[in-house]
């Protein structure tokens, strides 16, 4: 069963949206008896991200928010790795600070936990009837190619390996030695979760409110090539 959900927020230069996402997380009503823990890792932001978080914490002392800061910028993967080590919930989920994912859908990901004791639940942006902002054709093709390649290496049948929303039992996540510092963390975690036996992995459809590069999107074509490298690396050499 689950008594506490840890919400991990890696943040780098998110002064414009960090309070908005924290408000959304605060408004989420989880099933009765489940409390929330919010673990924010500031990845050496150059803007006022820390000040905005501290201001929010002062305004909402009732929320269980813990803030950690990296001494130097180490990347999203390193920030998530730090948050996993610091969290204390029964399950954890990564929440980007950029408003692309809707915290109200935590309950969608929790359903397989209650129905079948799921260990891991992926939130797929390409499954179900939920809203999906229309953006880049080649991004969608690239995502499908990476997911298919990952599936071949892991023998899973996911539709969205690159999704941010991965609900994971915390004791399983804490066993994983995450090495990737940037967006290669997604295929790395997937490969290492697939090796955990026995494990129950589910996938549910979620919404996606994507950003353009002008709006602050950070992932680029170099990250796609890194993802391909990671898919093979963590299948055969790690």
C-alpha atoms as a PDB file:
ATOM      1  CA  UNK A   1       0.000   0.000   0.000  1.00  0.00           C
ATOM      2  CA  UNK A   2       0.959   3.628  -0.241  1.00  0.00           C
ATOM      3  CA  UNK A   3       0.889   6.180   2.568  1.00  0.00           C
ATOM      4  CA  UNK A   4       3.130   8.900   1.135  1.00  0.00           C
ATOM      5  CA  UNK A   5       3.811  10.064  -2.420  1.00  0.00           C
ATOM      6  CA  UNK A   6       7.107  11.868  -3.051  1.00  0.00           C
ATOM      7  CA  UNK A   7       6.916  14.438  -5.841  1.00  0.00           C
ATOM      8  CA  UNK A   8      10.395  15.151  -7.192  1.00  0.00           C
ATOM      9  CA  UNK A   9      10.906  18.488  -8.955  1.00  0.00           C
ATOM     10  CA  UNK A  10      14.238  19.132 -10.711  1.00  0.00           C
ATOM     11  CA  UNK A  11      14.435  22.866 -11.375  1.00  0.00           C
ATOM     12  CA  UNK A  12      16.793  24.888 -13.524  1.00  0.00           C
ATOM     13  CA  UNK A  13      15.929  28.516 -14.316  1.00  0.00           C
ATOM     14  CA  UNK A  14      12.198  28.045 -13.699  1.00  0.00           C
ATOM     15  CA  UNK A  15      11.412  31.311 -11.895  1.00  0.00           C
ATOM     16  CA  UNK A  16       8.455  31.972 -14.199  1.00  0.00           C
ATOM     17  CA  UNK A  17       6.660  28.674 -13.522  1.00  0.00           C
ATOM     18  CA  UNK A  18       7.920  27.145 -10.260  1.00  0.00           C
ATOM     19  CA  UNK A  19       5.259  28.757  -8.066  1.00  0.00           C
ATOM     20  CA  UNK A  20       2.553  27.883 -10.589  1.00  0.00           C
ATOM     21  CA  UNK A  21       3.485  24.199 -10.557  1.00  0.00           C
ATOM     22  CA  UNK A  22       3.742  24.174  -6.759  1.00  0.00           C
ATOM     23  CA  UNK A  23       0.230  25.636  -6.561  1.00  0.00           C
ATOM     24  CA  UNK A  24      -1.032  22.908  -8.882  1.00  0.00           C
ATOM     25  CA  UNK A  25       0.656  20.202  -6.783  1.00  0.00           C
ATOM     26  CA  UNK A  26      -0.828  21.716  -3.637  1.00  0.00           C
ATOM     27  CA  UNK A  27      -4.341  21.583  -5.112  1.00  0.00           C
ATOM     28  CA  UNK A  28      -4.153  17.883  -5.988  1.00  0.00           C
ATOM     29  CA  UNK A  29      -6.445  15.771  -3.835  1.00  0.00           C
ATOM     30  CA  UNK A  30      -4.903  12.336  -3.436  1.00  0.00           C
ATOM     31  CA  UNK A  31      -6.942   9.355  -2.219  1.00  0.00           C
ATOM     32  CA  UNK A  32      -7.699   9.492   1.476  1.00  0.00           C
ATOM     33  CA  UNK A  33      -4.766   8.604   3.682  1.00  0.00           C
ATOM     34  CA  UNK A  34      -2.027   9.467   1.176  1.00  0.00           C
ATOM     35  CA  UNK A  35       0.149  12.448   2.046  1.00  0.00           C
ATOM     36  CA  UNK A  36       2.433  14.412  -0.269  1.00  0.00           C
ATOM     37  CA  UNK A  37       6.135  15.137   0.091  1.00  0.00           C
ATOM     38  CA  UNK A  38       7.658  17.613  -2.365  1.00  0.00           C
ATOM     39  CA  UNK A  39      11.404  17.365  -2.963  1.00  0.00           C
ATOM     40  CA  UNK A  40      12.829  20.204  -5.067  1.00  0.00           C
ATOM     41  CA  UNK A  41      16.404  20.090  -6.335  1.00  0.00           C
ATOM     42  CA  UNK A  42      17.628  23.410  -7.675  1.00  0.00           C
ATOM     43  CA  UNK A  43      20.270  22.634 -10.299  1.00  0.00           C
ATOM     44  CA  UNK A  44      22.340  25.787  -9.720  1.00  0.00           C
ATOM     45  CA  UNK A  45      19.814  28.094 -11.386  1.00  0.00           C
ATOM     46  CA  UNK A  46      21.038  31.475 -12.544  1.00  0.00           C
ATOM     47  CA  UNK A  47      17.678  33.189 -12.053  1.00  0.00           C
ATOM     48  CA  UNK A  48      15.404  33.615  -9.000  1.00  0.00           C
ATOM     49  CA  UNK A  49      14.181  30.013  -8.832  1.00  0.00           C
ATOM     50  CA  UNK A  50      15.406  29.525  -5.248  1.00  0.00           C
ATOM     51  CA  UNK A  51      13.912  32.822  -4.085  1.00  0.00           C
ATOM     52  CA  UNK A  52      10.569  31.909  -5.640  1.00  0.00           C
ATOM     53  CA  UNK A  53      10.570  28.501  -3.925  1.00  0.00           C
ATOM     54  CA  UNK A  54      11.514  29.970  -0.551  1.00  0.00           C
ATOM     55  CA  UNK A  55       8.809  32.607  -0.928  1.00  0.00           C
ATOM     56  CA  UNK A  56       6.246  29.906  -1.673  1.00  0.00           C
ATOM     57  CA  UNK A  57       7.409  27.821   1.279  1.00  0.00           C
ATOM     58  CA  UNK A  58       6.941  30.842   3.551  1.00  0.00           C
ATOM     59  CA  UNK A  59       3.409  31.301   2.252  1.00  0.00           C
ATOM     60  CA  UNK A  60       2.541  27.592   2.605  1.00  0.00           C
ATOM     61  CA  UNK A  61       4.195  26.275   5.777  1.00  0.00           C
ATOM     62  CA  UNK A  62       1.632  23.461   5.919  1.00  0.00           C
ATOM     63  CA  UNK A  63       3.081  21.841   2.788  1.00  0.00           C
ATOM     64  CA  UNK A  64       5.826  19.278   3.184  1.00  0.00           C
ATOM     65  CA  UNK A  65       8.383  20.924   0.871  1.00  0.00           C
ATOM     66  CA  UNK A  66      12.103  20.165   1.043  1.00  0.00           C
ATOM     67  CA  UNK A  67      14.541  22.230  -1.010  1.00  0.00           C
ATOM     68  CA  UNK A  68      18.051  21.154  -1.980  1.00  0.00           C
ATOM     69  CA  UNK A  69      20.552  22.964  -4.186  1.00  0.00           C
ATOM     70  CA  UNK A  70      23.348  21.593  -6.333  1.00  0.00           C
ATOM     71  CA  UNK A  71      26.635  23.481  -5.942  1.00  0.00           C
ATOM     72  CA  UNK A  72      27.180  23.416  -9.716  1.00  0.00           C
ATOM     73  CA  UNK A  73      24.884  22.718 -12.648  1.00  0.00           C
ATOM     74  CA  UNK A  74      24.916  18.940 -13.107  1.00  0.00           C
ATOM     75  CA  UNK A  75      21.872  18.361 -15.321  1.00  0.00           C
ATOM     76  CA  UNK A  76      18.350  16.998 -14.927  1.00  0.00           C
ATOM     77  CA  UNK A  77      19.457  13.417 -14.380  1.00  0.00           C
ATOM     78  CA  UNK A  78      21.769  14.371 -11.537  1.00  0.00           C
ATOM     79  CA  UNK A  79      19.026  16.478  -9.943  1.00  0.00           C
ATOM     80  CA  UNK A  80      16.571  13.583 -10.099  1.00  0.00           C
ATOM     81  CA  UNK A  81      19.179  11.222  -8.681  1.00  0.00           C
ATOM     82  CA  UNK A  82      19.676  13.586  -5.726  1.00  0.00           C
ATOM     83  CA  UNK A  83      15.917  13.868  -5.191  1.00  0.00           C
ATOM     84  CA  UNK A  84      15.500  10.083  -5.192  1.00  0.00           C
ATOM     85  CA  UNK A  85      18.144   9.761  -2.490  1.00  0.00           C
ATOM     86  CA  UNK A  86      16.486  12.464  -0.368  1.00  0.00           C
ATOM     87  CA  UNK A  87      12.829  11.391  -0.677  1.00  0.00           C
ATOM     88  CA  UNK A  88      11.009   9.304   1.920  1.00  0.00           C
ATOM     89  CA  UNK A  89       7.694   8.356   0.263  1.00  0.00           C
ATOM     90  CA  UNK A  90       6.475   4.863  -0.583  1.00  0.00           C
ATOM     91  CA  UNK A  91       6.241   5.834  -4.262  1.00  0.00           C
ATOM     92  CA  UNK A  92       7.793   8.711  -6.170  1.00  0.00           C
ATOM     93  CA  UNK A  93       7.021  10.622  -9.327  1.00  0.00           C
ATOM     94  CA  UNK A  94       9.071  13.199 -11.232  1.00  0.00           C
ATOM     95  CA  UNK A  95       7.320  16.501 -11.886  1.00  0.00           C
ATOM     96  CA  UNK A  96       8.957  18.947 -14.276  1.00  0.00           C
ATOM     97  CA  UNK A  97       8.538  22.576 -13.254  1.00  0.00           C
ATOM     98  CA  UNK A  98       7.550  23.761 -16.732  1.00  0.00           C
ATOM     99  CA  UNK A  99       3.773  23.047 -16.698  1.00  0.00           C
ATOM    100  CA  UNK A 100       3.933  20.476 -19.534  1.00  0.00           C
ATOM    101  CA  UNK A 101       2.392  17.802 -17.290  1.00  0.00           C
ATOM    102  CA  UNK A 102      -0.742  18.102 -15.141  1.00  0.00           C
ATOM    103  CA  UNK A 103      -0.375  17.094 -11.460  1.00  0.00           C
ATOM    104  CA  UNK A 104      -4.131  16.393 -11.309  1.00  0.00           C
ATOM    105  CA  UNK A 105      -3.322  13.196 -13.184  1.00  0.00           C
ATOM    106  CA  UNK A 106      -1.294  11.679 -10.345  1.00  0.00           C
ATOM    107  CA  UNK A 107      -4.464   9.793  -9.491  1.00  0.00           C
ATOM    108  CA  UNK A 108      -4.531   8.223 -12.963  1.00  0.00           C
ATOM    109  CA  UNK A 109      -1.061   6.822 -12.363  1.00  0.00           C
ATOM    110  CA  UNK A 110      -1.967   5.657  -8.868  1.00  0.00           C
ATOM    111  CA  UNK A 111      -4.926   3.564 -10.046  1.00  0.00           C
ATOM    112  CA  UNK A 112      -2.839   0.526 -11.127  1.00  0.00           C
ATOM    113  CA  UNK A 113      -1.153   0.630  -7.710  1.00  0.00           C
ATOM    114  CA  UNK A 114      -4.516   0.195  -5.979  1.00  0.00           C
ATOM    115  CA  UNK A 115      -5.938  -2.238  -8.525  1.00  0.00           C
ATOM    116  CA  UNK A 116      -2.936  -4.545  -9.006  1.00  0.00           C
ATOM    117  CA  UNK A 117      -0.068  -3.447  -6.749  1.00  0.00           C
ATOM    118  CA  UNK A 118       1.831  -1.944  -9.678  1.00  0.00           C
ATOM    119  CA  UNK A 119       5.507  -1.267  -8.982  1.00  0.00           C
ATOM    120  CA  UNK A 120       5.949   1.176 -11.863  1.00  0.00           C
ATOM    121  CA  UNK A 121       3.434   3.197 -13.894  1.00  0.00           C
ATOM    122  CA  UNK A 122       4.388   5.162 -17.021  1.00  0.00           C
ATOM    123  CA  UNK A 123       2.209   8.084 -18.084  1.00  0.00           C
ATOM    124  CA  UNK A 124       1.925   7.901 -21.869  1.00  0.00           C
ATOM    125  CA  UNK A 125       1.357  11.086 -23.879  1.00  0.00           C
ATOM    126  CA  UNK A 126       0.356   8.960 -26.880  1.00  0.00           C
ATOM    127  CA  UNK A 127      -2.336   6.816 -25.340  1.00  0.00           C
ATOM    128  CA  UNK A 128      -5.932   7.534 -24.385  1.00  0.00           C
ATOM    129  CA  UNK A 129      -8.244  10.495 -24.992  1.00  0.00           C
ATOM    130  CA  UNK A 130      -6.502  13.207 -22.964  1.00  0.00           C
ATOM    131  CA  UNK A 131      -5.495  16.635 -24.378  1.00  0.00           C
ATOM    132  CA  UNK A 132      -2.182  16.728 -26.259  1.00  0.00           C
ATOM    133  CA  UNK A 133      -0.777  19.980 -27.578  1.00  0.00           C
ATOM    134  CA  UNK A 134       0.204  19.735 -31.250  1.00  0.00           C
ATOM    135  CA  UNK A 135       3.827  20.798 -31.731  1.00  0.00           C
ATOM    136  CA  UNK A 136       6.717  19.211 -33.632  1.00  0.00           C
ATOM    137  CA  UNK A 137       6.270  16.385 -36.175  1.00  0.00           C
ATOM    138  CA  UNK A 138       9.907  15.258 -36.032  1.00  0.00           C
ATOM    139  CA  UNK A 139       9.860  15.215 -32.236  1.00  0.00           C
ATOM    140  CA  UNK A 140       6.946  12.782 -32.299  1.00  0.00           C
ATOM    141  CA  UNK A 141       8.690  10.589 -34.891  1.00  0.00           C
ATOM    142  CA  UNK A 142      11.907  10.671 -32.870  1.00  0.00           C
ATOM    143  CA  UNK A 143      10.065   9.747 -29.681  1.00  0.00           C
ATOM    144  CA  UNK A 144       8.370   6.773 -31.341  1.00  0.00           C
ATOM    145  CA  UNK A 145      11.678   5.580 -32.783  1.00  0.00           C
ATOM    146  CA  UNK A 146      13.434   5.844 -29.425  1.00  0.00           C
ATOM    147  CA  UNK A 147      10.572   4.076 -27.658  1.00  0.00           C
ATOM    148  CA  UNK A 148      10.560   1.261 -30.226  1.00  0.00           C
ATOM    149  CA  UNK A 149      14.326   0.841 -29.973  1.00  0.00           C
ATOM    150  CA  UNK A 150      14.114   0.821 -26.171  1.00  0.00           C
ATOM    151  CA  UNK A 151      11.324  -1.766 -26.306  1.00  0.00           C
ATOM    152  CA  UNK A 152      13.468  -4.042 -28.494  1.00  0.00           C
ATOM    153  CA  UNK A 153      16.301  -3.844 -25.976  1.00  0.00           C
ATOM    154  CA  UNK A 154      14.144  -4.276 -22.849  1.00  0.00           C
ATOM    155  CA  UNK A 155      11.359  -6.533 -24.199  1.00  0.00           C
ATOM    156  CA  UNK A 156       8.784  -4.081 -22.839  1.00  0.00           C
ATOM    157  CA  UNK A 157       5.804  -2.771 -24.826  1.00  0.00           C
ATOM    158  CA  UNK A 158       5.704   0.917 -23.907  1.00  0.00           C
ATOM    159  CA  UNK A 159       4.264   3.668 -26.088  1.00  0.00           C
ATOM    160  CA  UNK A 160       6.172   6.541 -24.439  1.00  0.00           C
ATOM    161  CA  UNK A 161       9.535   5.636 -22.914  1.00  0.00           C
ATOM    162  CA  UNK A 162      10.594   9.312 -22.803  1.00  0.00           C
ATOM    163  CA  UNK A 163       7.707  10.460 -20.602  1.00  0.00           C
ATOM    164  CA  UNK A 164       8.518  12.501 -17.507  1.00  0.00           C
ATOM    165  CA  UNK A 165       5.684  10.886 -15.559  1.00  0.00           C
ATOM    166  CA  UNK A 166       7.084   7.658 -14.189  1.00  0.00           C
ATOM    167  CA  UNK A 167       5.525   6.564 -10.906  1.00  0.00           C
ATOM    168  CA  UNK A 168       7.991   4.198  -9.227  1.00  0.00           C
ATOM    169  CA  UNK A 169       8.037   2.333  -5.946  1.00  0.00           C
ATOM    170  CA  UNK A 170      10.697   4.190  -3.996  1.00  0.00           C
ATOM    171  CA  UNK A 171      12.603   1.186  -2.717  1.00  0.00           C
ATOM    172  CA  UNK A 172      13.066   0.055  -6.323  1.00  0.00           C
ATOM    173  CA  UNK A 173      14.148   3.526  -7.497  1.00  0.00           C
ATOM    174  CA  UNK A 174      16.695   3.811  -4.686  1.00  0.00           C
ATOM    175  CA  UNK A 175      18.415   0.610  -5.878  1.00  0.00           C
ATOM    176  CA  UNK A 176      19.077   2.131  -9.301  1.00  0.00           C
ATOM    177  CA  UNK A 177      22.467   3.742  -9.766  1.00  0.00           C
ATOM    178  CA  UNK A 178      21.627   6.626 -12.110  1.00  0.00           C
ATOM    179  CA  UNK A 179      24.627   7.768 -14.143  1.00  0.00           C
ATOM    180  CA  UNK A 180      23.097   9.996 -16.820  1.00  0.00           C
ATOM    181  CA  UNK A 181      23.117  13.715 -16.068  1.00  0.00           C
ATOM    182  CA  UNK A 182      20.821  14.970 -18.795  1.00  0.00           C
ATOM    183  CA  UNK A 183      17.854  13.518 -20.682  1.00  0.00           C
ATOM    184  CA  UNK A 184      19.577  10.164 -21.139  1.00  0.00           C
ATOM    185  CA  UNK A 185      18.097   9.359 -17.740  1.00  0.00           C
ATOM    186  CA  UNK A 186      14.829   8.217 -19.359  1.00  0.00           C
ATOM    187  CA  UNK A 187      16.218   5.258 -21.382  1.00  0.00           C
ATOM    188  CA  UNK A 188      18.643   4.497 -18.539  1.00  0.00           C
ATOM    189  CA  UNK A 189      15.903   4.203 -15.927  1.00  0.00           C
ATOM    190  CA  UNK A 190      13.737   2.183 -18.312  1.00  0.00           C
ATOM    191  CA  UNK A 191      16.545  -0.277 -19.036  1.00  0.00           C
ATOM    192  CA  UNK A 192      17.352  -0.694 -15.359  1.00  0.00           C
ATOM    193  CA  UNK A 193      13.709  -1.051 -14.312  1.00  0.00           C
ATOM    194  CA  UNK A 194      13.242  -3.778 -16.923  1.00  0.00           C
ATOM    195  CA  UNK A 195      15.968  -5.801 -15.194  1.00  0.00           C
ATOM    196  CA  UNK A 196      14.183  -5.745 -11.825  1.00  0.00           C
ATOM    197  CA  UNK A 197      12.506  -9.142 -11.483  1.00  0.00           C
ATOM    198  CA  UNK A 198       9.731  -9.674 -10.678  1.00  0.00           C
ATOM    199  CA  UNK A 199       8.215  -6.253 -11.397  1.00  0.00           C
ATOM    200  CA  UNK A 200       4.749  -5.051 -12.410  1.00  0.00           C
ATOM    201  CA  UNK A 201       4.930  -2.243 -14.993  1.00  0.00           C
ATOM    202  CA  UNK A 202       1.801  -0.455 -16.208  1.00  0.00           C
ATOM    203  CA  UNK A 203       1.107   2.401 -18.605  1.00  0.00           C
ATOM    204  CA  UNK A 204      -1.798   4.883 -18.543  1.00  0.00           C
ATOM    205  CA  UNK A 205      -2.749   7.737 -20.874  1.00  0.00           C
ATOM    206  CA  UNK A 206      -2.062  11.295 -19.703  1.00  0.00           C
ATOM    207  CA  UNK A 207      -2.361  14.851 -21.034  1.00  0.00           C
ATOM    208  CA  UNK A 208       0.533  16.826 -22.443  1.00  0.00           C
ATOM    209  CA  UNK A 209       0.814  20.623 -22.628  1.00  0.00           C
ATOM    210  CA  UNK A 210       4.156  20.898 -24.408  1.00  0.00           C
ATOM    211  CA  UNK A 211       6.316  24.000 -24.696  1.00  0.00           C
ATOM    212  CA  UNK A 212       8.092  25.466 -27.692  1.00  0.00           C
ATOM    213  CA  UNK A 213      11.760  26.428 -27.536  1.00  0.00           C
ATOM    214  CA  UNK A 214      10.689  30.061 -27.281  1.00  0.00           C
ATOM    215  CA  UNK A 215       8.677  29.090 -24.204  1.00  0.00           C
ATOM    216  CA  UNK A 216      11.671  27.419 -22.560  1.00  0.00           C
ATOM    217  CA  UNK A 217      11.885  23.845 -23.867  1.00  0.00           C
ATOM    218  CA  UNK A 218      15.420  22.535 -23.230  1.00  0.00           C
ATOM    219  CA  UNK A 219      15.717  19.158 -24.973  1.00  0.00           C
ATOM    220  CA  UNK A 220      17.452  19.170 -28.377  1.00  0.00           C
ATOM    221  CA  UNK A 221      18.610  16.897 -31.204  1.00  0.00           C
ATOM    222  CA  UNK A 222      21.855  16.078 -29.388  1.00  0.00           C
ATOM    223  CA  UNK A 223      19.788  14.565 -26.578  1.00  0.00           C
ATOM    224  CA  UNK A 224      18.145  12.255 -29.131  1.00  0.00           C
ATOM    225  CA  UNK A 225      21.507  10.839 -30.191  1.00  0.00           C
ATOM    226  CA  UNK A 226      22.498  10.495 -26.546  1.00  0.00           C
ATOM    227  CA  UNK A 227      19.282   8.562 -25.909  1.00  0.00           C
ATOM    228  CA  UNK A 228      20.175   6.080 -28.674  1.00  0.00           C
ATOM    229  CA  UNK A 229      23.618   5.639 -27.129  1.00  0.00           C
ATOM    230  CA  UNK A 230      22.064   5.092 -23.689  1.00  0.00           C
ATOM    231  CA  UNK A 231      19.570   2.517 -24.976  1.00  0.00           C
ATOM    232  CA  UNK A 232      22.445   0.303 -26.148  1.00  0.00           C
ATOM    233  CA  UNK A 233      24.820   1.168 -23.327  1.00  0.00           C
ATOM    234  CA  UNK A 234      22.453   0.233 -20.509  1.00  0.00           C
ATOM    235  CA  UNK A 235      21.303  -2.897 -22.319  1.00  0.00           C
ATOM    236  CA  UNK A 236      24.726  -4.397 -23.041  1.00  0.00           C
ATOM    237  CA  UNK A 237      27.476  -2.603 -21.108  1.00  0.00           C
ATOM    238  CA  UNK A 238      26.140  -1.594 -17.696  1.00  0.00           C
END
